[in-house]
Amino acid sequence: MMKKAHPRGKRGLLEADLVDGALAEIERGGLDGFSMRCAARALGCDAATLIYHFGSKEGLERAVSERLHSEIRKPDDKLPWDKRLKHLARQYRRAAQRYPEAFPLLLRFWTSGPRDLDVAELWHQALADAGIPEKHIAAVGCATYASILGLCTGEVRGLLGLPSEDTLVQLITLDHLALTKRLVPTFETLNAETIFETALELLIAGIIATFPARKKSPTAKPAARRKG
């Protein structure tokens, strides 16, 4: 089967190349300073070319978000539901580490397109296989997905880093923070991977505790025939 060609627009530019270029520009300059003009300048085209392909800055950002979702690979269907969920979550963490500036785009849109929805289907199916009733899957899916994306963003933006020297000095002067002060040696050795894996275990444990696996009703045995 022949592969579907990527759409070509003005000046023969491939849409996929424009998205990759925009992603590289976001990684270089960050989201705050990102615009159609700066993207066009970095790509060697004009803003009209980007508008032709994506319609607006939001359209381009959605396309970049879809590009990030393409990094998320489908887990083996034969894996238990919790291992599939962990597989997806860990891949989001790797995507955040690879694209720390662009990753927060994933928190901006309810969905960015087909690739995003494909991952959502995998996420929802894992929750369904955990025994969560369908009426609760949307809420649990949004809650767990947002938690993972927020955790990944927190890591690449510095939340999960080691406390600074200034912070440690400040802690020493605050006598009412007795427990937090005792935890300082732990904070100094804590790493982002441990925090991430702990959060994953808590999410899985929370799902199991809130929605115990539904037990199948025992099959009724046929009544024994009376003799005689």
N, C-alpha and C. Protein backbone atom coordinates (compact mmCIF):
# COMPACT_ATOMS: atom_id res chain seq x y z
N MET A 1 0.85 -1.20 0.00
CA MET A 1 0.00 0.00 0.00
C MET A 1 0.88 1.24 0.00
N MET A 2 0.57 2.17 -0.88
CA MET A 2 1.35 3.40 -0.96
C MET A 2 1.04 4.29 0.23
N LYS A 3 2.08 4.96 0.77
CA LYS A 3 1.88 5.89 1.87
C LYS A 3 1.24 7.16 1.35
N LYS A 4 0.35 7.70 2.17
CA LYS A 4 -0.30 8.94 1.80
C LYS A 4 0.69 10.09 1.88
N ALA A 5 0.78 10.85 0.83
CA ALA A 5 1.75 11.95 0.78
C ALA A 5 1.32 13.06 1.73
N HIS A 6 2.31 13.71 2.35
CA HIS A 6 2.00 14.86 3.19
C HIS A 6 1.56 16.01 2.30
N PRO A 7 0.57 16.81 2.73
CA PRO A 7 0.09 17.91 1.91
C PRO A 7 1.20 18.90 1.60
N ARG A 8 1.25 19.34 0.34
CA ARG A 8 2.18 20.39 -0.06
C ARG A 8 1.43 21.68 -0.27
N GLY A 9 2.04 22.76 0.11
CA GLY A 9 1.40 24.07 -0.04
C GLY A 9 2.27 24.99 -0.86
N LYS A 10 2.20 26.27 -0.53
CA LYS A 10 2.97 27.27 -1.27
C LYS A 10 4.45 26.94 -1.19
N ARG A 11 5.14 27.19 -2.29
CA ARG A 11 6.58 27.00 -2.42
C ARG A 11 6.97 25.54 -2.19
N GLY A 12 6.01 24.60 -2.32
CA GLY A 12 6.32 23.19 -2.22
C GLY A 12 6.72 22.71 -0.85
N LEU A 13 6.40 23.49 0.20
CA LEU A 13 6.79 23.12 1.56
C LEU A 13 5.87 22.01 2.09
N LEU A 14 6.47 21.01 2.70
CA LEU A 14 5.69 19.94 3.31
C LEU A 14 5.15 20.41 4.65
N GLU A 15 3.88 20.09 4.90
CA GLU A 15 3.26 20.49 6.16
C GLU A 15 4.00 19.89 7.35
N ALA A 16 4.41 18.64 7.23
CA ALA A 16 5.14 17.98 8.32
C ALA A 16 6.45 18.71 8.62
N ASP A 17 7.13 19.20 7.56
CA ASP A 17 8.38 19.94 7.76
C ASP A 17 8.11 21.26 8.48
N LEU A 18 6.99 21.90 8.15
CA LEU A 18 6.64 23.16 8.81
C LEU A 18 6.37 22.93 10.30
N VAL A 19 5.71 21.82 10.61
CA VAL A 19 5.41 21.51 12.01
C VAL A 19 6.71 21.22 12.76
N ASP A 20 7.59 20.44 12.16
CA ASP A 20 8.87 20.15 12.82
C ASP A 20 9.68 21.42 13.01
N GLY A 21 9.62 22.31 12.03
CA GLY A 21 10.34 23.58 12.14
C GLY A 21 9.76 24.45 13.24
N ALA A 22 8.44 24.48 13.34
CA ALA A 22 7.78 25.26 14.39
C ALA A 22 8.12 24.69 15.76
N LEU A 23 8.16 23.35 15.86
CA LEU A 23 8.53 22.71 17.11
C LEU A 23 9.95 23.09 17.51
N ALA A 24 10.86 23.07 16.55
CA ALA A 24 12.25 23.44 16.83
C ALA A 24 12.35 24.90 17.28
N GLU A 25 11.53 25.77 16.68
CA GLU A 25 11.54 27.18 17.05
C GLU A 25 11.02 27.39 18.46
N ILE A 26 9.98 26.63 18.84
CA ILE A 26 9.45 26.72 20.21
C ILE A 26 10.51 26.26 21.20
N GLU A 27 11.22 25.18 20.87
CA GLU A 27 12.26 24.70 21.76
C GLU A 27 13.40 25.71 21.87
N ARG A 28 13.63 26.45 20.83
CA ARG A 28 14.70 27.45 20.86
C ARG A 28 14.30 28.68 21.66
N GLY A 29 13.09 29.21 21.42
CA GLY A 29 12.71 30.49 22.02
C GLY A 29 11.61 30.43 23.06
N GLY A 30 10.99 29.26 23.26
CA GLY A 30 9.93 29.14 24.25
C GLY A 30 8.57 29.52 23.69
N LEU A 31 7.52 29.16 24.43
CA LEU A 31 6.16 29.43 23.98
C LEU A 31 5.77 30.89 24.12
N ASP A 32 6.29 31.56 25.13
CA ASP A 32 5.88 32.95 25.38
C ASP A 32 6.19 33.86 24.20
N GLY A 33 7.32 33.63 23.58
CA GLY A 33 7.71 34.49 22.47
C GLY A 33 7.36 33.94 21.10
N PHE A 34 6.63 32.82 21.08
CA PHE A 34 6.33 32.17 19.80
C PHE A 34 5.21 32.90 19.08
N SER A 35 5.40 33.10 17.78
CA SER A 35 4.38 33.76 16.95
C SER A 35 4.50 33.23 15.53
N MET A 36 3.50 33.52 14.70
CA MET A 36 3.54 33.11 13.30
C MET A 36 4.71 33.77 12.59
N ARG A 37 4.98 35.02 12.94
CA ARG A 37 6.08 35.73 12.27
C ARG A 37 7.44 35.12 12.60
N CYS A 38 7.66 34.83 13.90
CA CYS A 38 8.97 34.28 14.25
C CYS A 38 9.11 32.86 13.71
N ALA A 39 8.01 32.10 13.67
CA ALA A 39 8.06 30.75 13.10
C ALA A 39 8.38 30.83 11.61
N ALA A 40 7.72 31.75 10.90
CA ALA A 40 7.96 31.90 9.46
C ALA A 40 9.40 32.31 9.19
N ARG A 41 9.90 33.22 10.01
CA ARG A 41 11.27 33.67 9.83
C ARG A 41 12.25 32.52 10.01
N ALA A 42 12.02 31.70 11.05
CA ALA A 42 12.91 30.57 11.30
C ALA A 42 12.81 29.52 10.20
N LEU A 43 11.63 29.39 9.58
CA LEU A 43 11.41 28.38 8.55
C LEU A 43 11.80 28.86 7.16
N GLY A 44 12.09 30.16 7.05
CA GLY A 44 12.46 30.70 5.75
C GLY A 44 11.30 30.87 4.81
N CYS A 45 10.10 31.11 5.37
CA CYS A 45 8.92 31.36 4.55
C CYS A 45 8.23 32.61 5.08
N ASP A 46 7.05 32.91 4.58
CA ASP A 46 6.32 34.05 5.13
C ASP A 46 5.13 33.55 5.95
N ALA A 47 4.57 34.46 6.76
CA ALA A 47 3.47 34.08 7.64
C ALA A 47 2.27 33.58 6.84
N ALA A 48 2.10 34.10 5.62
CA ALA A 48 0.97 33.69 4.79
C ALA A 48 1.02 32.19 4.48
N THR A 49 2.23 31.65 4.35
CA THR A 49 2.37 30.21 4.09
C THR A 49 1.85 29.40 5.27
N LEU A 50 2.18 29.86 6.46
CA LEU A 50 1.71 29.15 7.66
C LEU A 50 0.20 29.28 7.82
N ILE A 51 -0.33 30.45 7.50
CA ILE A 51 -1.78 30.63 7.57
C ILE A 51 -2.48 29.74 6.54
N TYR A 52 -1.86 29.60 5.38
CA TYR A 52 -2.40 28.74 4.33
C TYR A 52 -2.55 27.30 4.83
N HIS A 53 -1.54 26.84 5.57
CA HIS A 53 -1.54 25.45 6.06
C HIS A 53 -2.36 25.27 7.32
N PHE A 54 -2.26 26.23 8.27
CA PHE A 54 -2.79 25.99 9.62
C PHE A 54 -3.89 26.96 10.04
N GLY A 55 -4.11 28.00 9.26
CA GLY A 55 -5.21 28.92 9.53
C GLY A 55 -4.92 30.01 10.54
N SER A 56 -4.19 29.68 11.59
CA SER A 56 -3.93 30.63 12.66
C SER A 56 -2.79 30.11 13.54
N LYS A 57 -2.36 30.95 14.48
CA LYS A 57 -1.34 30.51 15.43
C LYS A 57 -1.84 29.31 16.23
N GLU A 58 -3.13 29.34 16.63
CA GLU A 58 -3.68 28.22 17.38
C GLU A 58 -3.66 26.94 16.55
N GLY A 59 -3.96 27.07 15.26
CA GLY A 59 -3.92 25.91 14.38
C GLY A 59 -2.52 25.31 14.30
N LEU A 60 -1.51 26.19 14.24
CA LEU A 60 -0.13 25.71 14.20
C LEU A 60 0.25 25.05 15.52
N GLU A 61 -0.18 25.66 16.62
CA GLU A 61 0.13 25.07 17.94
C GLU A 61 -0.57 23.72 18.11
N ARG A 62 -1.77 23.59 17.59
CA ARG A 62 -2.45 22.30 17.63
C ARG A 62 -1.67 21.26 16.83
N ALA A 63 -1.15 21.68 15.68
CA ALA A 63 -0.38 20.76 14.85
C ALA A 63 0.90 20.32 15.56
N VAL A 64 1.53 21.25 16.28
CA VAL A 64 2.73 20.91 17.05
C VAL A 64 2.37 19.94 18.17
N SER A 65 1.23 20.19 18.82
CA SER A 65 0.76 19.29 19.87
C SER A 65 0.53 17.88 19.31
N GLU A 66 -0.08 17.81 18.13
CA GLU A 66 -0.28 16.51 17.48
C GLU A 66 1.06 15.83 17.21
N ARG A 67 2.04 16.64 16.82
CA ARG A 67 3.38 16.10 16.58
C ARG A 67 3.95 15.47 17.85
N LEU A 68 3.71 16.09 19.00
CA LEU A 68 4.18 15.53 20.26
C LEU A 68 3.44 14.23 20.59
N HIS A 69 2.15 14.20 20.28
CA HIS A 69 1.39 12.97 20.53
C HIS A 69 1.87 11.81 19.66
N SER A 70 2.48 12.13 18.54
CA SER A 70 2.99 11.06 17.67
C SER A 70 4.16 10.32 18.33
N GLU A 71 4.72 10.89 19.40
CA GLU A 71 5.81 10.24 20.13
C GLU A 71 5.29 9.11 21.04
N ILE A 72 3.98 9.10 21.29
CA ILE A 72 3.40 8.14 22.22
C ILE A 72 3.03 6.86 21.48
N ARG A 73 3.69 5.78 21.82
CA ARG A 73 3.47 4.51 21.14
C ARG A 73 2.44 3.65 21.87
N LYS A 74 1.71 2.87 21.10
CA LYS A 74 0.68 2.01 21.66
C LYS A 74 1.31 0.87 22.47
N PRO A 75 0.81 0.62 23.68
CA PRO A 75 1.32 -0.51 24.45
C PRO A 75 0.78 -1.83 23.92
N ASP A 76 1.40 -2.91 24.31
CA ASP A 76 0.94 -4.24 23.93
C ASP A 76 -0.45 -4.49 24.52
N ASP A 77 -1.40 -4.86 23.67
CA ASP A 77 -2.78 -5.12 24.12
C ASP A 77 -2.85 -6.22 25.16
N LYS A 78 -1.85 -7.10 25.18
CA LYS A 78 -1.89 -8.23 26.09
C LYS A 78 -1.46 -7.87 27.52
N LEU A 79 -0.89 -6.67 27.68
CA LEU A 79 -0.46 -6.25 29.01
C LEU A 79 -1.66 -5.97 29.90
N PRO A 80 -1.53 -6.16 31.21
CA PRO A 80 -2.61 -5.78 32.13
C PRO A 80 -2.87 -4.28 32.04
N TRP A 81 -4.06 -3.85 32.43
CA TRP A 81 -4.46 -2.45 32.27
C TRP A 81 -3.50 -1.47 32.95
N ASP A 82 -3.00 -1.83 34.15
CA ASP A 82 -2.13 -0.90 34.87
C ASP A 82 -0.78 -0.73 34.18
N LYS A 83 -0.27 -1.80 33.58
CA LYS A 83 1.00 -1.71 32.86
C LYS A 83 0.83 -0.90 31.57
N ARG A 84 -0.33 -1.00 30.94
CA ARG A 84 -0.59 -0.18 29.75
C ARG A 84 -0.65 1.30 30.11
N LEU A 85 -1.31 1.60 31.22
CA LEU A 85 -1.41 2.98 31.65
C LEU A 85 -0.03 3.55 32.01
N LYS A 86 0.78 2.74 32.69
CA LYS A 86 2.14 3.16 33.04
C LYS A 86 2.99 3.37 31.79
N HIS A 87 2.82 2.49 30.80
CA HIS A 87 3.54 2.60 29.54
C HIS A 87 3.26 3.95 28.88
N LEU A 88 1.99 4.33 28.81
CA LEU A 88 1.61 5.61 28.20
C LEU A 88 2.16 6.78 29.02
N ALA A 89 2.01 6.71 30.33
CA ALA A 89 2.47 7.80 31.20
C ALA A 89 3.97 8.02 31.08
N ARG A 90 4.74 6.94 31.05
CA ARG A 90 6.20 7.07 30.96
C ARG A 90 6.63 7.65 29.61
N GLN A 91 5.86 7.34 28.57
CA GLN A 91 6.21 7.91 27.26
C GLN A 91 5.94 9.42 27.24
N TYR A 92 4.89 9.85 27.93
CA TYR A 92 4.66 11.30 28.04
C TYR A 92 5.81 11.97 28.78
N ARG A 93 6.33 11.30 29.79
CA ARG A 93 7.48 11.88 30.51
C ARG A 93 8.69 12.01 29.59
N ARG A 94 8.92 10.99 28.77
CA ARG A 94 10.05 11.07 27.83
C ARG A 94 9.84 12.20 26.82
N ALA A 95 8.58 12.37 26.35
CA ALA A 95 8.29 13.45 25.42
C ALA A 95 8.54 14.81 26.07
N ALA A 96 8.18 14.93 27.35
CA ALA A 96 8.40 16.19 28.06
C ALA A 96 9.90 16.47 28.20
N GLN A 97 10.67 15.44 28.47
CA GLN A 97 12.12 15.61 28.61
C GLN A 97 12.75 15.98 27.27
N ARG A 98 12.20 15.47 26.20
CA ARG A 98 12.76 15.74 24.87
C ARG A 98 12.33 17.12 24.36
N TYR A 99 11.09 17.52 24.70
CA TYR A 99 10.57 18.81 24.22
C TYR A 99 10.02 19.63 25.40
N PRO A 100 10.89 20.07 26.30
CA PRO A 100 10.43 20.75 27.51
C PRO A 100 9.70 22.06 27.27
N GLU A 101 10.03 22.78 26.21
CA GLU A 101 9.39 24.07 25.95
C GLU A 101 8.02 23.89 25.32
N ALA A 102 7.89 22.94 24.42
CA ALA A 102 6.62 22.75 23.70
C ALA A 102 5.64 21.87 24.47
N PHE A 103 6.11 21.07 25.40
CA PHE A 103 5.24 20.10 26.06
C PHE A 103 4.00 20.73 26.72
N PRO A 104 4.11 21.92 27.34
CA PRO A 104 2.92 22.52 27.96
C PRO A 104 1.76 22.75 26.99
N LEU A 105 2.00 22.69 25.68
CA LEU A 105 0.91 22.80 24.72
C LEU A 105 -0.12 21.70 24.93
N LEU A 106 0.31 20.56 25.43
CA LEU A 106 -0.60 19.44 25.62
C LEU A 106 -1.64 19.73 26.70
N LEU A 107 -1.34 20.72 27.55
CA LEU A 107 -2.27 21.12 28.59
C LEU A 107 -3.25 22.19 28.11
N ARG A 108 -3.06 22.67 26.91
CA ARG A 108 -3.83 23.81 26.42
C ARG A 108 -5.12 23.43 25.72
N PHE A 109 -5.15 22.27 25.08
CA PHE A 109 -6.31 21.91 24.25
C PHE A 109 -7.01 20.67 24.80
N TRP A 110 -8.36 20.68 24.69
CA TRP A 110 -9.10 19.48 25.08
C TRP A 110 -8.65 18.32 24.20
N THR A 111 -8.48 18.60 22.93
CA THR A 111 -7.84 17.65 22.02
C THR A 111 -7.18 18.43 20.90
N SER A 112 -6.08 17.91 20.41
CA SER A 112 -5.39 18.59 19.32
C SER A 112 -5.67 17.93 17.97
N GLY A 113 -6.30 16.73 18.00
CA GLY A 113 -6.60 16.07 16.73
C GLY A 113 -6.61 14.55 16.86
N PRO A 114 -6.55 13.86 15.72
CA PRO A 114 -6.68 12.39 15.69
C PRO A 114 -5.66 11.63 16.53
N ARG A 115 -4.40 12.05 16.50
CA ARG A 115 -3.39 11.32 17.26
C ARG A 115 -3.65 11.43 18.76
N ASP A 116 -4.04 12.62 19.18
CA ASP A 116 -4.39 12.85 20.57
C ASP A 116 -5.56 11.93 20.97
N LEU A 117 -6.57 11.87 20.12
CA LEU A 117 -7.75 11.04 20.41
C LEU A 117 -7.41 9.55 20.40
N ASP A 118 -6.46 9.14 19.56
CA ASP A 118 -6.03 7.74 19.56
C ASP A 118 -5.45 7.35 20.92
N VAL A 119 -4.62 8.26 21.48
CA VAL A 119 -4.04 7.99 22.79
C VAL A 119 -5.13 7.99 23.86
N ALA A 120 -6.08 8.92 23.74
CA ALA A 120 -7.19 8.97 24.69
C ALA A 120 -7.96 7.66 24.69
N GLU A 121 -8.17 7.08 23.50
CA GLU A 121 -8.88 5.80 23.41
C GLU A 121 -8.11 4.70 24.14
N LEU A 122 -6.79 4.69 24.00
CA LEU A 122 -5.97 3.70 24.70
C LEU A 122 -6.06 3.90 26.21
N TRP A 123 -6.04 5.15 26.63
CA TRP A 123 -6.13 5.50 28.05
C TRP A 123 -7.48 5.04 28.62
N HIS A 124 -8.55 5.38 27.89
CA HIS A 124 -9.90 5.02 28.35
C HIS A 124 -10.10 3.51 28.38
N GLN A 125 -9.53 2.81 27.40
CA GLN A 125 -9.68 1.36 27.37
C GLN A 125 -8.99 0.71 28.55
N ALA A 126 -7.82 1.25 28.92
CA ALA A 126 -7.12 0.72 30.10
C ALA A 126 -7.98 0.89 31.35
N LEU A 127 -8.64 2.03 31.46
CA LEU A 127 -9.50 2.28 32.62
C LEU A 127 -10.73 1.37 32.60
N ALA A 128 -11.27 1.15 31.41
CA ALA A 128 -12.42 0.24 31.29
C ALA A 128 -12.01 -1.17 31.71
N ASP A 129 -10.81 -1.59 31.30
CA ASP A 129 -10.34 -2.93 31.65
C ASP A 129 -10.00 -3.04 33.14
N ALA A 130 -9.85 -1.89 33.80
CA ALA A 130 -9.63 -1.90 35.25
C ALA A 130 -10.93 -2.15 36.00
N GLY A 131 -12.05 -2.14 35.26
CA GLY A 131 -13.34 -2.38 35.88
C GLY A 131 -14.10 -1.13 36.22
N ILE A 132 -13.64 0.03 35.71
CA ILE A 132 -14.34 1.29 35.99
C ILE A 132 -15.60 1.35 35.12
N PRO A 133 -16.76 1.59 35.71
CA PRO A 133 -17.99 1.71 34.92
C PRO A 133 -17.87 2.86 33.91
N GLU A 134 -18.48 2.68 32.75
CA GLU A 134 -18.36 3.67 31.68
C GLU A 134 -18.78 5.08 32.10
N LYS A 135 -19.76 5.17 32.99
CA LYS A 135 -20.24 6.50 33.40
C LYS A 135 -19.17 7.28 34.17
N HIS A 136 -18.13 6.59 34.66
CA HIS A 136 -17.07 7.25 35.41
C HIS A 136 -15.77 7.41 34.62
N ILE A 137 -15.67 6.76 33.46
CA ILE A 137 -14.40 6.74 32.73
C ILE A 137 -13.96 8.14 32.29
N ALA A 138 -14.89 8.97 31.83
CA ALA A 138 -14.53 10.31 31.36
C ALA A 138 -13.88 11.11 32.49
N ALA A 139 -14.49 11.10 33.67
CA ALA A 139 -13.95 11.87 34.80
C ALA A 139 -12.61 11.31 35.26
N VAL A 140 -12.52 9.99 35.41
CA VAL A 140 -11.27 9.37 35.85
C VAL A 140 -10.18 9.57 34.79
N GLY A 141 -10.56 9.46 33.51
CA GLY A 141 -9.60 9.65 32.43
C GLY A 141 -9.01 11.05 32.44
N CYS A 142 -9.88 12.06 32.55
CA CYS A 142 -9.40 13.46 32.57
C CYS A 142 -8.53 13.71 33.80
N ALA A 143 -8.96 13.19 34.95
CA ALA A 143 -8.22 13.41 36.19
C ALA A 143 -6.83 12.78 36.15
N THR A 144 -6.75 11.54 35.70
CA THR A 144 -5.46 10.86 35.68
C THR A 144 -4.55 11.40 34.59
N TYR A 145 -5.13 11.70 33.43
CA TYR A 145 -4.35 12.23 32.30
C TYR A 145 -3.78 13.60 32.65
N ALA A 146 -4.63 14.47 33.21
CA ALA A 146 -4.16 15.81 33.59
C ALA A 146 -3.09 15.73 34.68
N SER A 147 -3.24 14.77 35.57
CA SER A 147 -2.24 14.60 36.64
C SER A 147 -0.88 14.24 36.05
N ILE A 148 -0.87 13.33 35.09
CA ILE A 148 0.40 12.91 34.48
C ILE A 148 1.02 14.06 33.68
N LEU A 149 0.21 14.75 32.87
CA LEU A 149 0.75 15.86 32.09
C LEU A 149 1.27 16.97 33.00
N GLY A 150 0.53 17.24 34.08
CA GLY A 150 0.97 18.28 35.01
C GLY A 150 2.27 17.89 35.70
N LEU A 151 2.40 16.62 36.05
CA LEU A 151 3.62 16.13 36.69
C LEU A 151 4.81 16.23 35.74
N CYS A 152 4.59 15.86 34.48
CA CYS A 152 5.66 15.96 33.47
C CYS A 152 6.07 17.42 33.26
N THR A 153 5.09 18.29 33.18
CA THR A 153 5.39 19.72 33.00
C THR A 153 6.12 20.27 34.21
N GLY A 154 5.69 19.86 35.40
CA GLY A 154 6.36 20.30 36.62
C GLY A 154 7.82 19.89 36.65
N GLU A 155 8.10 18.69 36.14
CA GLU A 155 9.48 18.23 36.11
C GLU A 155 10.34 19.08 35.20
N VAL A 156 9.88 19.33 33.98
CA VAL A 156 10.73 20.07 33.03
C VAL A 156 10.77 21.57 33.33
N ARG A 157 9.82 22.05 34.14
CA ARG A 157 9.82 23.46 34.50
C ARG A 157 10.47 23.73 35.86
N GLY A 158 10.94 22.69 36.53
CA GLY A 158 11.72 22.89 37.73
C GLY A 158 11.06 22.52 39.04
N LEU A 159 9.78 22.18 39.04
CA LEU A 159 9.08 21.88 40.29
C LEU A 159 9.67 20.68 41.01
N LEU A 160 10.12 19.69 40.26
CA LEU A 160 10.63 18.47 40.88
C LEU A 160 12.14 18.49 41.08
N GLY A 161 12.74 19.66 40.91
CA GLY A 161 14.19 19.76 41.10
C GLY A 161 14.56 19.82 42.57
N LEU A 162 15.84 19.80 42.85
CA LEU A 162 16.33 19.88 44.22
C LEU A 162 16.12 21.30 44.75
N PRO A 163 15.87 21.45 46.07
CA PRO A 163 15.72 22.81 46.63
C PRO A 163 17.02 23.59 46.52
N SER A 164 16.90 24.88 46.26
CA SER A 164 18.08 25.72 46.13
C SER A 164 18.70 26.00 47.50
N GLU A 165 19.92 26.50 47.49
CA GLU A 165 20.60 26.85 48.74
C GLU A 165 19.81 27.92 49.49
N ASP A 166 19.26 28.90 48.75
CA ASP A 166 18.48 29.96 49.38
C ASP A 166 17.25 29.38 50.09
N THR A 167 16.61 28.41 49.46
CA THR A 167 15.43 27.78 50.06
C THR A 167 15.81 27.05 51.34
N LEU A 168 16.92 26.34 51.32
CA LEU A 168 17.37 25.61 52.50
C LEU A 168 17.72 26.56 53.64
N VAL A 169 18.34 27.67 53.31
CA VAL A 169 18.67 28.67 54.34
C VAL A 169 17.39 29.25 54.94
N GLN A 170 16.41 29.50 54.09
CA GLN A 170 15.13 30.03 54.57
C GLN A 170 14.44 29.04 55.50
N LEU A 171 14.48 27.76 55.15
CA LEU A 171 13.86 26.74 55.98
C LEU A 171 14.44 26.72 57.39
N ILE A 172 15.73 26.90 57.49
CA ILE A 172 16.40 26.84 58.79
C ILE A 172 15.87 27.93 59.72
N THR A 173 15.48 29.07 59.15
CA THR A 173 15.03 30.20 59.98
C THR A 173 13.56 30.12 60.38
N LEU A 174 12.81 29.17 59.81
CA LEU A 174 11.38 29.09 60.09
C LEU A 174 11.12 27.94 61.07
N ASP A 175 11.05 28.29 62.34
CA ASP A 175 10.93 27.30 63.40
C ASP A 175 9.61 26.52 63.36
N HIS A 176 8.54 27.14 62.84
CA HIS A 176 7.24 26.48 62.88
C HIS A 176 7.12 25.36 61.83
N LEU A 177 8.12 25.21 60.95
CA LEU A 177 8.10 24.16 59.93
C LEU A 177 8.93 22.97 60.39
N ALA A 178 8.63 22.48 61.57
CA ALA A 178 9.46 21.44 62.18
C ALA A 178 9.56 20.18 61.32
N LEU A 179 8.42 19.68 60.83
CA LEU A 179 8.45 18.45 60.05
C LEU A 179 9.16 18.66 58.72
N THR A 180 8.84 19.75 58.03
CA THR A 180 9.49 20.02 56.74
C THR A 180 11.00 20.14 56.91
N LYS A 181 11.44 20.74 58.00
CA LYS A 181 12.88 20.87 58.25
C LYS A 181 13.52 19.50 58.44
N ARG A 182 12.80 18.60 59.11
CA ARG A 182 13.35 17.25 59.29
C ARG A 182 13.42 16.48 57.97
N LEU A 183 12.59 16.88 57.01
CA LEU A 183 12.58 16.20 55.71
C LEU A 183 13.64 16.71 54.74
N VAL A 184 14.33 17.78 55.11
CA VAL A 184 15.32 18.39 54.20
C VAL A 184 16.33 17.39 53.67
N PRO A 185 16.92 16.52 54.50
CA PRO A 185 17.88 15.55 53.95
C PRO A 185 17.27 14.66 52.87
N THR A 186 15.97 14.34 53.01
CA THR A 186 15.29 13.53 52.00
C THR A 186 15.09 14.33 50.72
N PHE A 187 14.66 15.58 50.86
CA PHE A 187 14.48 16.44 49.68
C PHE A 187 15.78 16.58 48.90
N GLU A 188 16.90 16.63 49.61
CA GLU A 188 18.20 16.83 48.96
C GLU A 188 18.63 15.63 48.13
N THR A 189 18.07 14.46 48.41
CA THR A 189 18.46 13.26 47.66
C THR A 189 17.34 12.75 46.75
N LEU A 190 16.17 13.39 46.82
CA LEU A 190 15.03 12.94 46.02
C LEU A 190 15.27 13.25 44.55
N ASN A 191 14.84 12.34 43.67
CA ASN A 191 14.99 12.61 42.24
C ASN A 191 13.64 12.54 41.54
N ALA A 192 13.57 13.13 40.36
CA ALA A 192 12.32 13.26 39.62
C ALA A 192 11.72 11.90 39.25
N GLU A 193 12.56 10.94 38.94
CA GLU A 193 12.04 9.62 38.56
C GLU A 193 11.32 8.96 39.73
N THR A 194 11.89 9.06 40.93
CA THR A 194 11.25 8.50 42.11
C THR A 194 9.89 9.15 42.34
N ILE A 195 9.83 10.46 42.20
CA ILE A 195 8.57 11.18 42.39
C ILE A 195 7.55 10.74 41.35
N PHE A 196 7.98 10.63 40.09
CA PHE A 196 7.07 10.25 39.01
C PHE A 196 6.52 8.84 39.24
N GLU A 197 7.40 7.90 39.56
CA GLU A 197 6.97 6.52 39.77
C GLU A 197 6.07 6.40 41.00
N THR A 198 6.35 7.21 42.03
CA THR A 198 5.49 7.22 43.21
C THR A 198 4.09 7.71 42.85
N ALA A 199 4.04 8.77 42.04
CA ALA A 199 2.74 9.30 41.60
C ALA A 199 1.97 8.26 40.78
N LEU A 200 2.67 7.54 39.92
CA LEU A 200 2.02 6.48 39.14
C LEU A 200 1.41 5.41 40.04
N GLU A 201 2.17 4.98 41.03
CA GLU A 201 1.68 3.95 41.94
C GLU A 201 0.46 4.45 42.72
N LEU A 202 0.49 5.72 43.12
CA LEU A 202 -0.64 6.29 43.84
C LEU A 202 -1.89 6.36 42.96
N LEU A 203 -1.70 6.73 41.68
CA LEU A 203 -2.84 6.77 40.76
C LEU A 203 -3.45 5.38 40.58
N ILE A 204 -2.60 4.39 40.37
CA ILE A 204 -3.08 3.03 40.18
C ILE A 204 -3.79 2.53 41.44
N ALA A 205 -3.16 2.77 42.60
CA ALA A 205 -3.75 2.32 43.86
C ALA A 205 -5.09 3.03 44.11
N GLY A 206 -5.16 4.31 43.74
CA GLY A 206 -6.40 5.05 43.92
C GLY A 206 -7.53 4.50 43.06
N ILE A 207 -7.19 4.12 41.83
CA ILE A 207 -8.19 3.53 40.93
C ILE A 207 -8.70 2.20 41.50
N ILE A 208 -7.77 1.37 41.96
CA ILE A 208 -8.14 0.06 42.49
C ILE A 208 -9.00 0.21 43.74
N ALA A 209 -8.64 1.17 44.60
CA ALA A 209 -9.38 1.35 45.85
C ALA A 209 -10.77 1.94 45.61
N THR A 210 -10.86 2.84 44.63
CA THR A 210 -12.13 3.51 44.37
C THR A 210 -13.08 2.64 43.56
N PHE A 211 -12.51 1.85 42.66
CA PHE A 211 -13.33 0.99 41.80
C PHE A 211 -12.83 -0.45 41.89
N PRO A 212 -13.17 -1.15 42.99
CA PRO A 212 -12.72 -2.55 43.11
C PRO A 212 -13.18 -3.35 41.91
N ALA A 213 -12.35 -4.27 41.49
CA ALA A 213 -12.68 -5.09 40.31
C ALA A 213 -14.03 -5.75 40.50
N ARG A 214 -14.86 -5.63 39.50
CA ARG A 214 -16.19 -6.23 39.58
C ARG A 214 -16.09 -7.75 39.51
N LYS A 215 -16.69 -8.39 40.49
CA LYS A 215 -16.63 -9.86 40.52
C LYS A 215 -17.76 -10.45 39.67
N LYS A 216 -17.40 -11.47 38.92
CA LYS A 216 -18.42 -12.15 38.11
C LYS A 216 -19.31 -13.00 39.00
N SER A 217 -20.62 -12.97 38.72
CA SER A 217 -21.53 -13.79 39.52
C SER A 217 -21.27 -15.26 39.24
N PRO A 218 -21.25 -16.05 40.32
CA PRO A 218 -20.99 -17.49 40.11
C PRO A 218 -22.08 -18.12 39.27
N THR A 219 -21.68 -19.01 38.38
CA THR A 219 -22.67 -19.69 37.53
C THR A 219 -23.50 -20.64 38.38
N ALA A 220 -24.80 -20.51 38.27
CA ALA A 220 -25.69 -21.36 39.08
C ALA A 220 -25.60 -22.81 38.60
N LYS A 221 -25.49 -23.70 39.56
CA LYS A 221 -25.41 -25.12 39.20
C LYS A 221 -26.81 -25.65 38.95
N PRO A 222 -26.99 -26.50 37.95
CA PRO A 222 -28.32 -27.06 37.68
C PRO A 222 -28.81 -27.88 38.86
N ALA A 223 -30.08 -27.79 39.15
CA ALA A 223 -30.63 -28.54 40.28
C ALA A 223 -30.52 -30.03 40.02
N ALA A 224 -30.14 -30.77 41.06
CA ALA A 224 -29.98 -32.23 40.94
C ALA A 224 -31.36 -32.88 40.78
N ARG A 225 -31.44 -33.83 39.87
CA ARG A 225 -32.71 -34.54 39.66
C ARG A 225 -33.00 -35.46 40.85
N ARG A 226 -34.22 -35.44 41.24
CA ARG A 226 -34.62 -36.31 42.35
C ARG A 226 -34.80 -37.74 41.83
N LYS A 227 -34.28 -38.67 42.55
CA LYS A 227 -34.40 -40.08 42.15
C LYS A 227 -35.79 -40.59 42.48
N GLY A 228 -36.20 -41.50 41.66
CA GLY A 228 -37.45 -42.17 41.94
C GLY A 228 -38.66 -41.46 41.38
